Each structure stands twice: as structure tokens, then as C-alpha cells.
């Protein structure tokens, strides 16, 4: 809420952590085209924590955000709603006028865009309390002059943490476990935690190990099928109880179930190689292509990986859809006959 004009803005985010807070403020700053020089905040844990003496310590991500945008930040006193009356009123106003009926969107980004557009519409149709009869949008145009310019470089609200993977290669982040891969078992992993993603990398080489959508909640295992498949190839009997089994299409899952242990081991290894080269979805499409061609054969990396790469690159009709070359000219030259078979 910008109290001078009574401009009210809101965005949608999945949590109240520092990464979500900074990302949401960035969306608002970009939308209004500037940065307020002073921000008065409630006692949000994503921004900082207050000790027994009343001193506030900023979180690492929010502290970097404040420095990047050159902000002055003030915090309200606990249980003092009068210190933030403007934004408390904005909460009720936007709930009544913006979120009834509930809004629907495909993603948080799309929902935030809808909300900001509706906020602009409400600003054009509502009036400033200080100037009766004057729309909030007109007063806000004057208020823009007091905003600081946006930085030339975008800020990346990311929290870096070093974690040790367990014996399965799983890394615990905010009570959820992300698979870094069996090669990372019991070793250090560098995690880049953003509001929507968790990226795992090797601290020694910087090699990207895995990237996942960030989970909100507790006690979830998040695994990349491409990292699980090599582990299953070593122990193929674990295939039927594996966590990625539901991610495999029904026809391919039934096909793998029908294989003997040796063929299943080779097939799982081939799928793992194809996943590393082209990704999980193209690898599954390639498996479906081979399944349609010959159900009796197993999967081999030398045939599966090239097909998966073609699937990834958009050659969906491989191999049957590729037009064969016209060799009739060679036939006429060698045999000395025309298309009708008559001698020339």
C-alpha cells in the first residue's frame, strides 16, 4: 500500500519465506516502474527476526535485497495494528473486491499478473480519501515522481546452502528431500534455493546435478526419474516398488513388467542413458516408438538414445515418417528400362 495515493497492490506466492517476499516485492516494483525509498514492514519472518531486546536482524536474502534496491526498511512494533492501518485496510478492500469470486490461474506468475491488472482497474474506479472525487490512479501518477529508479541489473533472490546427501543421495531442504543422485551419496551438495526452484550442484566442480520445482509442505521426496533409473538398473527387482513407477506411461510400465530380470536390467540402463542425453519425456516417447515397432525386443542405448534425441528435437515421425529417397533413376540407368518395365 502506498499511503499518499492509497494505491493498493498484491501478488500471489506459495509461501512467506524470504525468497517469496523478495520476488513479490520485485514484481510490484517492476509493475509500478520504480522503488519506494522507504518501506514499513510488519514483523514478517521472511524479512527478519526480532530478539528479546526489540532489535531486528534481517535474513540474508532480504538484507541483500535491501542493499541492491538501496532501501530504508522500518519494522512495526508487535501488536500495533495502528502503525500499519493503510495496508490492513488494503487487505480487506482487496479481499472483497479482487478475490470474490476466487480467481483461477495456471501458475502463480499468471495469477500475479491478473491481480496487478485488477489492482490497476480498482485504482482507476476508486477515489483517494484525501481528495474526494479524484481517482487513486491520478494521485498515484503524481506519487511516481517520488519513486527511485529500478536498478539496471535484476536481483536474484536465492539462498545458497551446503548440505550433505544421505546414503541414497537425497538432500534435506526445509523438511523435504531432493534427489541429487546416487553418485552424491554421503557427499557435500551445494543447493541454490529460490522461491520456485531448488537447484543442486557439486561444490567441487560446479556441475549441475539436478533441478526441481520447490516443494511447499513437509516430508516429500522429490526425485528426477533420470537419476533414479541407473540405480534401478543395478537392482532391477526394486522396479515394481520404485517411486518413479507411476511416472512411466501405462503401456511402457506393463512392457517392462513383462521382461525377465536380465532384459529389464539392460532396458532400465538404456532408459537411464537416454534420459541423461535427451530428458525423461523424449526417452518415454522413444520407448513408445520401439514398443509399437517390436514388443519382443528389449531396449538398448545404441538404438534408444538416438531416437530420444530425435524426439527431443521435434522429429516426431521417426523412423517411419522419414521419406525414402527416389532411386528409380538408378534403376533405369542400370537396367535400361523405363518405369513401365519396357526396354528403351
Protein backbone atom coordinates (compact mmCIF):
# COMPACT_ATOMS: atom_id res chain seq x y z
CA UNK A 1 0.00 0.00 0.00
CA UNK A 2 1.28 3.47 -0.91
CA UNK A 3 -0.44 5.71 1.67
CA UNK A 4 -0.12 9.06 -0.18
CA UNK A 5 -2.35 7.96 -3.05
CA UNK A 6 -3.89 4.91 -1.32
CA UNK A 7 -2.66 2.75 -4.21
CA UNK A 8 -3.05 -0.93 -3.27
CA UNK A 9 -1.19 -3.80 -4.96
CA UNK A 10 -0.92 -7.54 -4.35
CA UNK A 11 0.66 -10.63 -5.91
CA UNK A 12 0.29 -14.38 -5.32
CA UNK A 13 3.08 -16.54 -3.90
CA UNK A 14 3.18 -20.02 -2.33
CA UNK A 15 4.92 -19.14 0.96
CA UNK A 16 6.10 -16.46 3.40
CA UNK A 17 9.83 -17.12 3.21
CA UNK A 18 12.49 -14.57 2.28
CA UNK A 19 12.70 -15.76 -1.34
CA UNK A 20 8.94 -15.34 -1.89
CA UNK A 21 8.95 -11.95 -0.13
CA UNK A 22 11.75 -10.56 -2.30
CA UNK A 23 10.27 -11.97 -5.50
CA UNK A 24 6.86 -10.48 -4.70
CA UNK A 25 8.32 -7.04 -3.99
CA UNK A 26 10.28 -7.24 -7.25
CA UNK A 27 7.05 -7.92 -9.16
CA UNK A 28 5.43 -4.87 -7.55
CA UNK A 29 8.43 -2.60 -8.20
CA UNK A 30 8.59 -3.63 -11.86
CA UNK A 31 4.85 -3.10 -12.23
CA UNK A 32 4.86 0.44 -10.86
CA UNK A 33 8.15 1.30 -12.59
CA UNK A 34 10.11 2.39 -9.54
CA UNK A 35 11.24 1.69 -5.97
CA UNK A 36 9.80 3.39 -2.86
CA UNK A 37 12.70 4.89 -0.87
CA UNK A 38 11.25 3.72 2.47
CA UNK A 39 9.33 0.54 3.25
CA UNK A 40 7.50 0.00 6.54
CA UNK A 41 7.06 -3.73 7.19
CA UNK A 42 5.18 -5.89 9.58
CA UNK A 43 7.19 -8.41 11.59
CA UNK A 44 7.50 -10.92 8.74
CA UNK A 45 9.85 -13.83 9.40
CA UNK A 46 10.92 -13.75 5.77
CA UNK A 47 12.34 -10.25 6.26
CA UNK A 48 13.88 -10.53 9.71
CA UNK A 49 13.52 -11.65 13.30
CA UNK A 50 13.16 -9.54 16.41
CA UNK A 51 15.06 -10.54 19.54
CA UNK A 52 14.06 -10.01 23.17
CA UNK A 53 15.58 -6.51 23.14
CA UNK A 54 13.41 -5.47 20.21
CA UNK A 55 16.29 -5.46 17.71
CA UNK A 56 15.54 -6.82 14.24
CA UNK A 57 18.08 -8.97 12.37
CA UNK A 58 17.45 -9.16 8.63
CA UNK A 59 17.59 -12.51 6.84
CA UNK A 60 20.50 -12.96 4.44
CA UNK A 61 18.38 -12.86 1.26
CA UNK A 62 16.33 -9.84 2.37
CA UNK A 63 19.46 -8.00 3.53
CA UNK A 64 20.98 -8.43 0.04
CA UNK A 65 17.66 -7.31 -1.48
CA UNK A 66 17.62 -4.12 0.61
CA UNK A 67 21.21 -3.32 -0.38
CA UNK A 68 20.52 -3.97 -4.08
CA UNK A 69 17.48 -1.65 -4.19
CA UNK A 70 19.01 0.95 -1.79
CA UNK A 71 16.01 0.79 0.50
CA UNK A 72 15.41 2.07 4.00
CA UNK A 73 13.39 -0.50 5.97
CA UNK A 74 11.41 0.11 9.14
CA UNK A 75 9.57 -2.51 11.17
CA UNK A 76 6.30 -2.06 13.05
CA UNK A 77 6.09 -2.79 16.74
CA UNK A 78 4.41 -6.07 17.75
CA UNK A 79 0.64 -5.93 18.30
CA UNK A 80 0.47 -2.40 16.91
CA UNK A 81 -2.07 -2.52 14.10
CA UNK A 82 -2.41 1.26 14.17
CA UNK A 83 1.10 1.56 12.73
CA UNK A 84 0.05 -0.15 9.50
CA UNK A 85 -3.58 0.86 9.15
CA UNK A 86 -3.25 1.67 5.44
CA UNK A 87 -2.13 -1.80 4.44
CA UNK A 88 -4.53 -3.53 6.88
CA UNK A 89 -7.42 -1.69 5.21
CA UNK A 90 -5.99 -2.65 1.81
CA UNK A 91 -6.13 -6.33 2.78
CA UNK A 92 -9.87 -6.17 3.43
CA UNK A 93 -10.53 -3.98 0.39
CA UNK A 94 -8.71 -6.34 -2.00
CA UNK A 95 -10.32 -9.43 -0.48
CA UNK A 96 -13.78 -8.02 -1.07
CA UNK A 97 -13.20 -6.51 -4.49
CA UNK A 98 -10.48 -8.69 -6.02
CA UNK A 99 -10.91 -12.20 -4.67
CA UNK A 100 -14.67 -12.65 -4.74
CA UNK A 101 -15.35 -14.92 -6.55
CA UNK A 102 -12.00 -16.73 -6.16
CA UNK A 103 -9.56 -16.18 -9.00
CA UNK A 104 -8.18 -19.08 -11.05
CA UNK A 105 -4.93 -19.29 -12.98
CA UNK A 106 -2.45 -21.83 -14.34
CA UNK A 107 0.52 -20.56 -12.31
CA UNK A 108 1.50 -18.12 -9.60
CA UNK A 109 3.02 -15.86 -12.26
CA UNK A 110 -0.22 -15.71 -14.24
CA UNK A 111 -2.27 -15.16 -11.08
CA UNK A 112 0.02 -12.29 -10.04
CA UNK A 113 -0.44 -10.63 -13.45
CA UNK A 114 -4.22 -10.93 -13.12
CA UNK A 115 -4.09 -9.42 -9.64
CA UNK A 116 -1.91 -6.47 -10.65
CA UNK A 117 -4.16 -5.73 -13.64
CA UNK A 118 -7.23 -5.80 -11.42
CA UNK A 119 -5.48 -3.56 -8.88
CA UNK A 120 -4.92 -1.01 -11.66
CA UNK A 121 -8.59 -1.23 -12.57
CA UNK A 122 -9.65 -0.67 -8.95
CA UNK A 123 -7.31 2.32 -8.70
CA UNK A 124 -8.98 3.89 -11.73
CA UNK A 125 -12.50 3.38 -10.33
CA UNK A 126 -11.95 4.24 -6.63
CA UNK A 127 -11.21 7.64 -5.11
CA UNK A 128 -8.39 8.95 -2.95
CA UNK A 129 -9.53 9.58 0.67
CA UNK A 130 -7.56 12.87 0.82
CA UNK A 131 -9.02 14.21 -2.44
CA UNK A 132 -12.69 13.26 -2.82
CA UNK A 133 -13.70 12.81 -6.45
CA UNK A 134 -10.11 12.25 -7.66
CA UNK A 135 -9.30 8.65 -8.70
CA UNK A 136 -6.47 6.88 -6.91
CA UNK A 137 -4.76 6.28 -10.26
CA UNK A 138 -4.42 10.03 -10.92
CA UNK A 139 -2.89 10.71 -7.50
CA UNK A 140 -0.57 7.75 -7.92
CA UNK A 141 0.76 9.29 -11.15
CA UNK A 142 1.96 12.22 -9.01
CA UNK A 143 3.40 9.82 -6.43
CA UNK A 144 5.54 8.10 -9.07
CA UNK A 145 7.83 11.14 -9.08
CA UNK A 146 8.98 10.23 -5.56
CA UNK A 147 9.99 6.69 -6.57
CA UNK A 148 13.63 5.77 -7.08
CA UNK A 149 14.61 4.24 -10.45
CA UNK A 150 14.84 0.48 -10.84
CA UNK A 151 18.40 -0.93 -10.74
CA UNK A 152 19.93 -1.69 -14.12
CA UNK A 153 20.73 -5.26 -13.01
CA UNK A 154 18.00 -7.65 -11.88
CA UNK A 155 18.23 -9.11 -8.38
CA UNK A 156 18.26 -12.89 -7.92
CA UNK A 157 16.56 -13.78 -4.61
CA UNK A 158 18.43 -17.00 -3.92
CA UNK A 159 19.60 -18.71 -0.73
CA UNK A 160 22.77 -20.79 -1.00
CA UNK A 161 23.25 -23.68 1.40
CA UNK A 162 25.73 -26.54 1.67
CA UNK A 163 24.13 -29.86 2.60
CA UNK A 164 25.30 -33.45 2.97
CA UNK A 165 23.35 -36.04 0.99
CA UNK A 166 22.28 -39.24 2.74
CA UNK A 167 23.23 -42.76 1.62
CA UNK A 168 20.57 -42.63 -1.12
CA UNK A 169 21.77 -39.28 -2.49
CA UNK A 170 18.82 -37.34 -1.02
CA UNK A 171 19.31 -33.80 0.31
CA UNK A 172 17.03 -32.41 3.04
CA UNK A 173 15.86 -28.82 2.42
CA UNK A 174 13.07 -27.30 4.52
CA UNK A 175 11.87 -30.77 5.61
CA UNK A 176 11.62 -32.06 2.02
CA UNK A 177 14.15 -34.37 0.38
CA UNK A 178 15.52 -33.75 -3.12
CA UNK A 179 17.49 -36.38 -5.03
CA UNK A 180 20.98 -35.27 -6.05
CA UNK A 181 21.80 -38.70 -7.46
CA UNK A 182 23.39 -41.90 -6.20
CA UNK A 183 26.87 -40.61 -7.09
CA UNK A 184 26.41 -37.85 -4.48
CA UNK A 185 25.64 -40.22 -1.60
CA UNK A 186 27.22 -39.09 1.69
CA UNK A 187 28.94 -36.14 -0.01
CA UNK A 188 28.53 -32.36 0.09
CA UNK A 189 25.99 -30.76 -2.25
CA UNK A 190 25.51 -27.05 -2.95
CA UNK A 191 21.84 -26.03 -3.06
CA UNK A 192 20.52 -22.85 -4.69
CA UNK A 193 17.06 -22.26 -3.17
CA UNK A 194 14.74 -19.86 -4.99
CA UNK A 195 11.04 -19.19 -4.48
CA UNK A 196 10.05 -21.69 -7.18
CA UNK A 197 13.06 -23.96 -7.77
CA UNK A 198 15.77 -25.90 -5.94
CA UNK A 199 19.00 -26.41 -7.91
CA UNK A 200 21.60 -28.92 -6.73
CA UNK A 201 25.23 -28.72 -7.86
CA UNK A 202 28.62 -30.16 -7.00
CA UNK A 203 30.58 -27.70 -4.81
CA UNK A 204 33.89 -29.03 -6.15
CA UNK A 205 33.24 -28.75 -9.90
CA UNK A 206 30.08 -26.64 -10.16
CA UNK A 207 28.44 -29.42 -12.19
CA UNK A 208 24.64 -29.24 -12.22
CA UNK A 209 23.26 -32.37 -10.55
CA UNK A 210 19.52 -31.74 -10.64
CA UNK A 211 16.88 -29.00 -10.64
CA UNK A 212 13.39 -29.37 -9.18
CA UNK A 213 10.29 -27.28 -8.54
CA UNK A 214 10.42 -26.15 -4.92
CA UNK A 215 8.03 -28.06 -2.69
CA UNK A 216 5.91 -26.39 -0.02
CA UNK A 217 4.80 -28.66 2.79
CA UNK A 218 6.69 -31.37 4.63
CA UNK A 219 8.09 -34.87 4.25
CA UNK A 220 8.09 -35.20 0.47
CA UNK A 221 10.66 -36.98 -1.66
CA UNK A 222 11.36 -35.17 -4.93
CA UNK A 223 13.24 -37.31 -7.45
CA UNK A 224 14.31 -36.95 -11.06
CA UNK A 225 13.48 -40.21 -12.90
CA UNK A 226 16.69 -39.84 -14.91
CA UNK A 227 18.68 -40.10 -11.66
CA UNK A 228 16.67 -42.99 -10.25
CA UNK A 229 16.85 -45.25 -13.31
CA UNK A 230 20.61 -46.00 -13.12
CA UNK A 231 20.10 -47.10 -9.51
CA UNK A 232 17.24 -49.39 -10.58
CA UNK A 233 19.43 -50.90 -13.31
CA UNK A 234 21.75 -52.16 -10.56
CA UNK A 235 18.82 -53.60 -8.58
CA UNK A 236 16.08 -54.35 -11.16
CA UNK A 237 13.96 -56.21 -8.60
CA UNK A 238 13.23 -52.83 -6.98
CA UNK A 239 11.49 -51.64 -10.16
CA UNK A 240 7.99 -52.68 -9.07
CA UNK A 241 8.26 -50.73 -5.77
CA UNK A 242 10.18 -47.74 -7.13
CA UNK A 243 8.97 -44.16 -6.56
CA UNK A 244 9.14 -43.28 -10.29
CA UNK A 245 6.96 -46.20 -11.38
CA UNK A 246 3.78 -44.00 -11.58
CA UNK A 247 5.64 -41.52 -13.82
CA UNK A 248 6.16 -44.15 -16.54
CA UNK A 249 3.29 -44.42 -19.09
CA UNK A 250 0.99 -47.40 -18.55
CA UNK A 251 1.89 -49.29 -21.73
CA UNK A 252 5.65 -48.92 -21.15
CA UNK A 253 5.27 -49.88 -17.48
CA UNK A 254 3.42 -53.07 -18.44
CA UNK A 255 6.05 -53.78 -21.09
CA UNK A 256 8.86 -53.50 -18.54
CA UNK A 257 6.91 -55.67 -16.08
CA UNK A 258 6.79 -58.48 -18.65
CA UNK A 259 10.59 -58.61 -19.10
CA UNK A 260 12.87 -61.09 -17.40
CA UNK A 261 15.44 -59.77 -14.91
CA UNK A 262 18.35 -59.62 -17.36
CA UNK A 263 16.37 -57.84 -20.08
CA UNK A 264 14.84 -55.48 -17.50
CA UNK A 265 18.30 -54.56 -16.19
CA UNK A 266 19.54 -53.74 -19.71
CA UNK A 267 16.35 -51.83 -20.55
CA UNK A 268 16.44 -49.71 -17.38
CA UNK A 269 20.09 -48.86 -18.05
CA UNK A 270 19.24 -47.90 -21.64
CA UNK A 271 16.37 -45.67 -20.47
CA UNK A 272 18.68 -44.02 -17.93
CA UNK A 273 21.26 -43.27 -20.66
CA UNK A 274 18.53 -41.84 -22.91
CA UNK A 275 17.19 -39.68 -20.06
CA UNK A 276 20.63 -38.19 -19.42
CA UNK A 277 21.07 -37.44 -23.13
CA UNK A 278 17.60 -36.17 -24.07
CA UNK A 279 15.40 -35.92 -20.96
CA UNK A 280 12.71 -38.10 -19.42
CA UNK A 281 9.76 -37.24 -21.70
CA UNK A 282 11.65 -37.78 -25.00
CA UNK A 283 13.02 -41.04 -23.61
CA UNK A 284 9.50 -42.24 -22.83
CA UNK A 285 8.35 -41.24 -26.32
CA UNK A 286 11.25 -43.20 -27.80
CA UNK A 287 10.29 -46.23 -25.71
CA UNK A 288 6.76 -45.96 -27.06
CA UNK A 289 8.10 -45.84 -30.63
CA UNK A 290 10.13 -49.03 -30.12
CA UNK A 291 7.20 -50.67 -28.33
CA UNK A 292 4.97 -50.07 -31.36
CA UNK A 293 7.62 -51.46 -33.71
CA UNK A 294 8.65 -54.60 -31.85
CA UNK A 295 7.25 -55.64 -28.48
CA UNK A 296 9.53 -58.67 -28.24
CA UNK A 297 12.84 -56.82 -28.19
CA UNK A 298 14.40 -55.15 -25.16
CA UNK A 299 15.82 -51.63 -25.02
CA UNK A 300 19.40 -50.81 -25.93
CA UNK A 301 21.16 -47.47 -25.54
CA UNK A 302 22.58 -47.53 -29.10
CA UNK A 303 19.04 -47.50 -30.54
CA UNK A 304 17.01 -45.80 -27.80
CA UNK A 305 19.22 -42.73 -27.26
CA UNK A 306 19.30 -41.61 -30.96
CA UNK A 307 15.53 -41.94 -31.19
CA UNK A 308 15.07 -39.96 -27.93
CA UNK A 309 17.31 -37.20 -29.27
CA UNK A 310 15.23 -37.07 -32.46
CA UNK A 311 12.06 -36.88 -30.36
CA UNK A 312 13.55 -34.04 -28.33
CA UNK A 313 14.48 -32.11 -31.48
CA UNK A 314 10.99 -32.39 -32.94
CA UNK A 315 11.38 -35.26 -35.43
CA UNK A 316 8.27 -36.93 -34.07
CA UNK A 317 7.71 -39.26 -37.03
CA UNK A 318 11.00 -41.11 -36.71
CA UNK A 319 11.66 -43.65 -38.12
CA UNK A 320 8.64 -44.44 -40.30
CA UNK A 321 7.85 -40.83 -41.19
CA UNK A 322 11.14 -40.11 -42.94
CA UNK A 323 10.60 -40.02 -46.70
CA UNK A 324 12.74 -42.52 -48.55
CA UNK A 325 14.86 -41.24 -51.46
CA UNK A 326 13.70 -41.87 -55.02
CA UNK A 327 16.09 -44.41 -56.55
CA UNK A 328 14.14 -45.04 -59.79
CA UNK A 329 16.70 -43.10 -61.81
CA UNK A 330 19.40 -45.58 -60.81
CA UNK A 331 17.10 -48.47 -61.79
CA UNK A 332 16.57 -47.01 -65.25
CA UNK A 333 20.30 -46.39 -65.69
CA UNK A 334 21.35 -49.88 -64.62
CA UNK A 335 18.58 -51.93 -66.24
CA UNK A 336 17.98 -49.76 -69.28
CA UNK A 337 14.19 -49.92 -68.80
CA UNK A 338 11.57 -47.23 -68.21
CA UNK A 339 9.04 -47.08 -65.39
CA UNK A 340 6.75 -49.50 -67.24
CA UNK A 341 9.46 -52.15 -67.49
CA UNK A 342 9.84 -51.77 -71.25
CA UNK A 343 13.29 -51.77 -72.79
CA UNK A 344 14.49 -48.48 -74.20
